[in-house]
């Protein structure tokens, strides 16, 4: 029997029963512009603020760029952008009829952020959620990223409009969850974990920031924010620990000076292996 088609006058429950689109999942992904070819899109998320998510994002980007990959950072934290300052970048970004061109950091990482479009980078962005979400989409549709191996998306904390927009609209290969050693982190990590699972977004693993402080005199590790339980938390959720970053004043100094392109983060070697594996699998599939 031929499949029923929806009538032009509208759908009814009966008319839709045989519709070939009835059981197809709805996709909200938006297409990039024709000048963008990105192999892997990686979201960097946190369930709460103040855990150093942007520091982890920039460190991962530096690490992959150092290994010879073509890298970009999409700063989706519209109301609290920090990536341009870390790399010493200032607007306005160049644009033409084809789109917006992301400025290059000293280590050739392409960066796009609201601060690179605003006439005054210190002016607050006082926008409602839908406008902010629309801007994040434009960073994907209107920015000419060119050919990239990895595009890291630095997301605002929590599970609100922007993470939801990124999860639905961008072709994510996976996310990295950033946490800190405090006791409440287990609950916060679970929020990000369950959001990703509910939206079928792969979780590549967890990076713990502020794990400890190394005493400059005796070399002893001091657990400033309490003892780490990240392995236990990750084990319960069957996730990998991709790195444990200490409080490193040298990284903070480079960030404040706008020289983060020079930063080397030796604590994320496991994260590199996971990201490198993504590329290896895609090449094998091709």
Protein backbone atom coordinates (compact mmCIF):
# COMPACT_ATOMS: atom_id res chain seq x y z
CA UNK A 1 0.00 0.00 0.00
CA UNK A 2 1.34 3.43 -0.87
CA UNK A 3 2.54 5.62 2.01
CA UNK A 4 0.12 8.34 3.04
CA UNK A 5 1.28 11.87 2.44
CA UNK A 6 0.39 14.94 4.48
CA UNK A 7 -2.35 16.98 2.84
CA UNK A 8 -1.79 20.58 1.89
CA UNK A 9 -4.63 21.64 4.17
CA UNK A 10 -2.78 20.45 7.26
CA UNK A 11 -1.89 17.33 9.23
CA UNK A 12 -4.13 15.19 11.36
CA UNK A 13 -3.19 12.27 13.58
CA UNK A 14 -4.63 9.86 11.03
CA UNK A 15 -2.98 11.45 7.99
CA UNK A 16 0.44 11.44 9.66
CA UNK A 17 0.44 7.74 10.59
CA UNK A 18 1.91 6.71 7.25
CA UNK A 19 4.09 9.76 6.72
CA UNK A 20 7.70 8.74 5.93
CA UNK A 21 9.00 11.61 8.12
CA UNK A 22 7.02 10.53 11.19
CA UNK A 23 9.82 8.66 12.93
CA UNK A 24 12.76 10.70 11.67
CA UNK A 25 14.65 12.52 14.46
CA UNK A 26 14.52 16.29 14.20
CA UNK A 27 17.89 17.94 13.60
CA UNK A 28 18.54 21.52 14.68
CA UNK A 29 22.09 21.66 13.31
CA UNK A 30 22.93 24.73 11.27
CA UNK A 31 25.26 24.70 8.28
CA UNK A 32 28.59 26.49 8.35
CA UNK A 33 29.41 28.88 5.54
CA UNK A 34 30.93 27.54 2.33
CA UNK A 35 34.43 28.70 3.30
CA UNK A 36 34.52 26.65 6.51
CA UNK A 37 35.72 23.06 6.72
CA UNK A 38 36.19 21.88 10.31
CA UNK A 39 37.08 18.24 10.99
CA UNK A 40 36.36 18.17 14.74
CA UNK A 41 34.26 20.45 16.95
CA UNK A 42 34.99 20.03 20.67
CA UNK A 43 32.91 21.71 23.39
CA UNK A 44 34.52 22.64 26.71
CA UNK A 45 31.89 22.84 29.45
CA UNK A 46 31.53 23.25 33.18
CA UNK A 47 28.57 22.93 35.47
CA UNK A 48 29.61 26.03 37.44
CA UNK A 49 31.72 29.12 36.98
CA UNK A 50 35.19 29.75 38.35
CA UNK A 51 36.78 26.41 37.50
CA UNK A 52 39.15 27.74 34.83
CA UNK A 53 37.25 26.51 31.78
CA UNK A 54 38.75 29.12 29.45
CA UNK A 55 42.23 28.26 30.71
CA UNK A 56 41.59 24.61 29.85
CA UNK A 57 40.13 25.53 26.45
CA UNK A 58 43.13 27.65 25.53
CA UNK A 59 45.54 25.02 26.88
CA UNK A 60 43.95 22.31 24.74
CA UNK A 61 44.08 24.60 21.71
CA UNK A 62 47.76 25.41 22.31
CA UNK A 63 48.55 21.74 22.74
CA UNK A 64 46.98 20.72 19.43
CA UNK A 65 48.50 23.70 17.59
CA UNK A 66 51.92 22.78 18.95
CA UNK A 67 51.47 19.28 17.49
CA UNK A 68 50.92 20.78 14.06
CA UNK A 69 47.12 20.78 13.87
CA UNK A 70 45.11 23.71 12.50
CA UNK A 71 43.13 25.05 15.45
CA UNK A 72 40.45 27.60 16.24
CA UNK A 73 38.62 28.78 19.37
CA UNK A 74 34.97 29.85 19.28
CA UNK A 75 34.37 31.89 22.43
CA UNK A 76 30.71 31.16 23.16
CA UNK A 77 30.81 32.86 26.57
CA UNK A 78 29.13 35.97 25.19
CA UNK A 79 28.59 37.81 28.49
CA UNK A 80 31.97 36.87 29.99
CA UNK A 81 34.49 36.53 27.13
CA UNK A 82 38.11 36.05 28.12
CA UNK A 83 39.83 34.26 25.24
CA UNK A 84 40.85 37.40 23.23
CA UNK A 85 42.52 39.00 26.27
CA UNK A 86 44.42 35.79 26.98
CA UNK A 87 45.91 35.92 23.47
CA UNK A 88 46.35 39.70 23.32
CA UNK A 89 43.82 40.08 20.51
CA UNK A 90 41.72 43.20 19.90
CA UNK A 91 39.00 44.07 17.41
CA UNK A 92 37.45 44.95 15.20
CA UNK A 93 37.61 41.68 13.27
CA UNK A 94 37.73 42.10 9.49
CA UNK A 95 34.65 41.24 7.44
CA UNK A 96 33.41 41.38 3.86
CA UNK A 97 30.48 40.05 1.84
CA UNK A 98 31.69 36.48 2.41
CA UNK A 99 31.70 36.66 6.20
CA UNK A 100 33.79 37.51 9.27
CA UNK A 101 37.49 36.63 9.46
CA UNK A 102 38.75 35.42 12.87
CA UNK A 103 41.97 37.11 14.02
CA UNK A 104 45.08 34.97 14.42
CA UNK A 105 46.87 34.50 17.73
CA UNK A 106 50.65 34.48 17.80
CA UNK A 107 50.66 30.67 17.48
CA UNK A 108 48.26 30.80 14.49
CA UNK A 109 45.13 29.81 16.44
CA UNK A 110 42.04 31.44 14.93
CA UNK A 111 39.83 33.16 17.51
CA UNK A 112 36.32 34.57 17.38
CA UNK A 113 34.66 36.28 20.32
CA UNK A 114 32.08 39.00 20.92
CA UNK A 115 34.93 41.19 22.21
CA UNK A 116 36.41 41.19 18.70
CA UNK A 117 33.19 42.68 17.29
CA UNK A 118 32.30 45.26 19.95
CA UNK A 119 33.49 48.89 19.51
CA UNK A 120 34.34 48.92 23.23
CA UNK A 121 35.60 45.56 24.51
CA UNK A 122 34.94 46.62 28.10
CA UNK A 123 31.27 47.40 27.49
CA UNK A 124 28.88 44.85 29.03
CA UNK A 125 26.77 42.66 26.77
CA UNK A 126 23.25 43.15 28.11
CA UNK A 127 21.29 40.77 25.91
CA UNK A 128 18.53 38.27 26.51
CA UNK A 129 19.07 34.55 26.00
CA UNK A 130 17.67 34.21 22.46
CA UNK A 131 19.89 37.05 21.16
CA UNK A 132 22.96 35.51 22.79
CA UNK A 133 22.12 32.11 21.32
CA UNK A 134 21.68 33.68 17.90
CA UNK A 135 25.13 35.25 18.13
CA UNK A 136 26.70 31.88 18.96
CA UNK A 137 25.06 30.41 15.85
CA UNK A 138 26.47 33.27 13.79
CA UNK A 139 29.95 32.45 15.04
CA UNK A 140 29.45 29.15 13.20
CA UNK A 141 27.46 30.28 10.15
CA UNK A 142 29.03 33.68 9.42
CA UNK A 143 32.66 33.29 10.51
CA UNK A 144 35.10 32.08 7.85
CA UNK A 145 37.07 29.51 9.80
CA UNK A 146 38.70 28.04 6.71
CA UNK A 147 40.18 24.56 7.04
CA UNK A 148 40.61 23.51 10.69
CA UNK A 149 41.43 20.21 12.30
CA UNK A 150 39.97 21.22 15.69
CA UNK A 151 37.58 23.98 16.71
CA UNK A 152 37.28 24.32 20.48
CA UNK A 153 34.08 25.93 21.77
CA UNK A 154 34.54 27.71 25.10
CA UNK A 155 31.06 27.66 26.62
CA UNK A 156 29.63 29.63 29.54
CA UNK A 157 29.04 27.68 32.76
CA UNK A 158 25.82 25.83 33.47
CA UNK A 159 23.23 24.09 31.34
CA UNK A 160 21.33 27.09 29.95
CA UNK A 161 20.64 28.65 26.56
CA UNK A 162 24.14 28.71 25.10
CA UNK A 163 25.19 25.12 25.93
CA UNK A 164 21.81 23.97 24.64
CA UNK A 165 22.32 25.97 21.41
CA UNK A 166 25.82 24.57 20.89
CA UNK A 167 24.70 20.99 21.61
CA UNK A 168 21.84 21.28 19.11
CA UNK A 169 23.28 23.53 16.41
CA UNK A 170 26.94 22.55 16.00
CA UNK A 171 28.29 19.17 14.84
CA UNK A 172 30.01 18.30 18.11
CA UNK A 173 32.40 15.37 18.16
CA UNK A 174 32.33 15.49 21.94
CA UNK A 175 32.75 17.60 25.05
CA UNK A 176 35.37 17.95 27.76
CA UNK A 177 34.01 18.64 31.25
CA UNK A 178 36.10 20.91 33.49
CA UNK A 179 35.85 20.58 37.26
CA UNK A 180 37.68 21.47 40.48
CA UNK A 181 38.37 19.40 43.62
CA UNK A 182 35.61 20.85 45.83
CA UNK A 183 33.07 18.42 47.32
CA UNK A 184 30.11 19.96 45.49
CA UNK A 185 31.76 19.22 42.15
CA UNK A 186 30.33 15.71 41.93
CA UNK A 187 26.82 17.15 41.70
CA UNK A 188 27.94 19.85 39.22
CA UNK A 189 29.74 17.36 36.98
CA UNK A 190 26.68 15.13 36.96
CA UNK A 191 24.53 18.01 35.67
CA UNK A 192 26.81 18.50 32.65
CA UNK A 193 27.08 14.73 32.24
CA UNK A 194 23.32 14.16 32.20
CA UNK A 195 22.73 17.08 29.83
CA UNK A 196 25.20 15.66 27.32
CA UNK A 197 23.79 12.15 27.67
CA UNK A 198 20.21 13.34 27.19
CA UNK A 199 21.24 15.05 23.95
CA UNK A 200 23.41 12.18 22.69
CA UNK A 201 26.61 14.23 22.79
CA UNK A 202 29.74 12.12 23.44
CA UNK A 203 31.74 12.95 26.58
CA UNK A 204 35.47 12.67 25.96
CA UNK A 205 36.43 12.97 29.61
CA UNK A 206 37.05 15.27 32.58
CA UNK A 207 39.85 17.72 33.30
CA UNK A 208 40.33 18.74 36.92
CA UNK A 209 41.70 22.25 37.41
CA UNK A 210 43.18 23.68 40.64
CA UNK A 211 44.06 20.15 41.72
CA UNK A 212 46.92 21.29 43.93
CA UNK A 213 49.58 23.93 44.47
CA UNK A 214 53.27 23.08 44.38
CA UNK A 215 55.20 24.85 47.14
CA UNK A 216 57.95 26.88 45.44
CA UNK A 217 60.33 26.22 48.37
CA UNK A 218 59.96 22.52 49.22
CA UNK A 219 58.06 21.15 46.22
CA UNK A 220 55.28 19.69 48.37
CA UNK A 221 51.84 19.41 46.78
CA UNK A 222 49.24 21.36 48.75
CA UNK A 223 45.55 20.57 48.19
CA UNK A 224 44.23 24.12 48.44
CA UNK A 225 40.62 23.18 47.58
CA UNK A 226 40.60 19.83 49.35
CA UNK A 227 41.64 16.36 48.31
CA UNK A 228 40.82 15.33 44.78
CA UNK A 229 38.09 12.74 44.19
CA UNK A 230 38.08 13.06 40.42
CA UNK A 231 39.06 9.45 39.73
CA UNK A 232 36.22 8.23 41.93
CA UNK A 233 33.71 10.61 40.31
CA UNK A 234 34.87 9.72 36.80
CA UNK A 235 34.76 6.01 37.60
CA UNK A 236 31.12 6.19 38.68
CA UNK A 237 30.21 7.73 35.33
CA UNK A 238 32.61 5.58 33.29
CA UNK A 239 34.55 8.63 32.12
CA UNK A 240 38.25 9.19 31.50
CA UNK A 241 40.31 11.66 33.51
CA UNK A 242 42.09 13.68 30.83
CA UNK A 243 44.31 15.67 33.15
CA UNK A 244 44.80 17.17 36.62
CA UNK A 245 46.04 20.75 36.41
CA UNK A 246 47.65 22.42 39.42
CA UNK A 247 47.42 26.09 40.29
CA UNK A 248 50.22 27.36 38.06
CA UNK A 249 51.08 31.07 38.51
CA UNK A 250 53.06 31.08 35.27
CA UNK A 251 49.95 30.24 33.23
CA UNK A 252 47.98 32.98 34.99
CA UNK A 253 50.79 35.47 34.33
CA UNK A 254 50.87 34.68 30.60
CA UNK A 255 47.08 35.00 30.48
CA UNK A 256 47.11 38.40 32.17
CA UNK A 257 49.82 39.65 29.81
CA UNK A 258 48.00 38.47 26.70
CA UNK A 259 50.84 36.05 25.96
CA UNK A 260 48.97 32.76 26.39
CA UNK A 261 50.12 31.65 22.92
CA UNK A 262 53.45 30.94 24.63
CA UNK A 263 51.89 28.77 27.35
CA UNK A 264 52.83 25.10 27.53
CA UNK A 265 50.57 22.87 29.59
CA UNK A 266 52.27 19.57 30.36
CA UNK A 267 49.34 18.28 32.41
CA UNK A 268 47.05 17.43 29.47
CA UNK A 269 48.93 14.66 27.66
CA UNK A 270 46.03 12.23 28.16
CA UNK A 271 43.68 14.79 26.63
CA UNK A 272 45.93 15.00 23.59
CA UNK A 273 45.78 11.23 23.11
CA UNK A 274 41.97 11.26 23.16
CA UNK A 275 41.78 14.17 20.70
CA UNK A 276 44.43 12.64 18.46
CA UNK A 277 42.47 9.37 18.44
CA UNK A 278 39.42 11.22 17.10
CA UNK A 279 41.44 12.37 14.12
CA UNK A 280 42.93 8.94 13.56
CA UNK A 281 39.49 7.29 13.55
CA UNK A 282 38.10 9.83 11.08
CA UNK A 283 41.03 9.27 8.72
CA UNK A 284 40.51 5.52 8.89
CA UNK A 285 36.80 5.93 8.14
CA UNK A 286 37.63 8.12 5.15
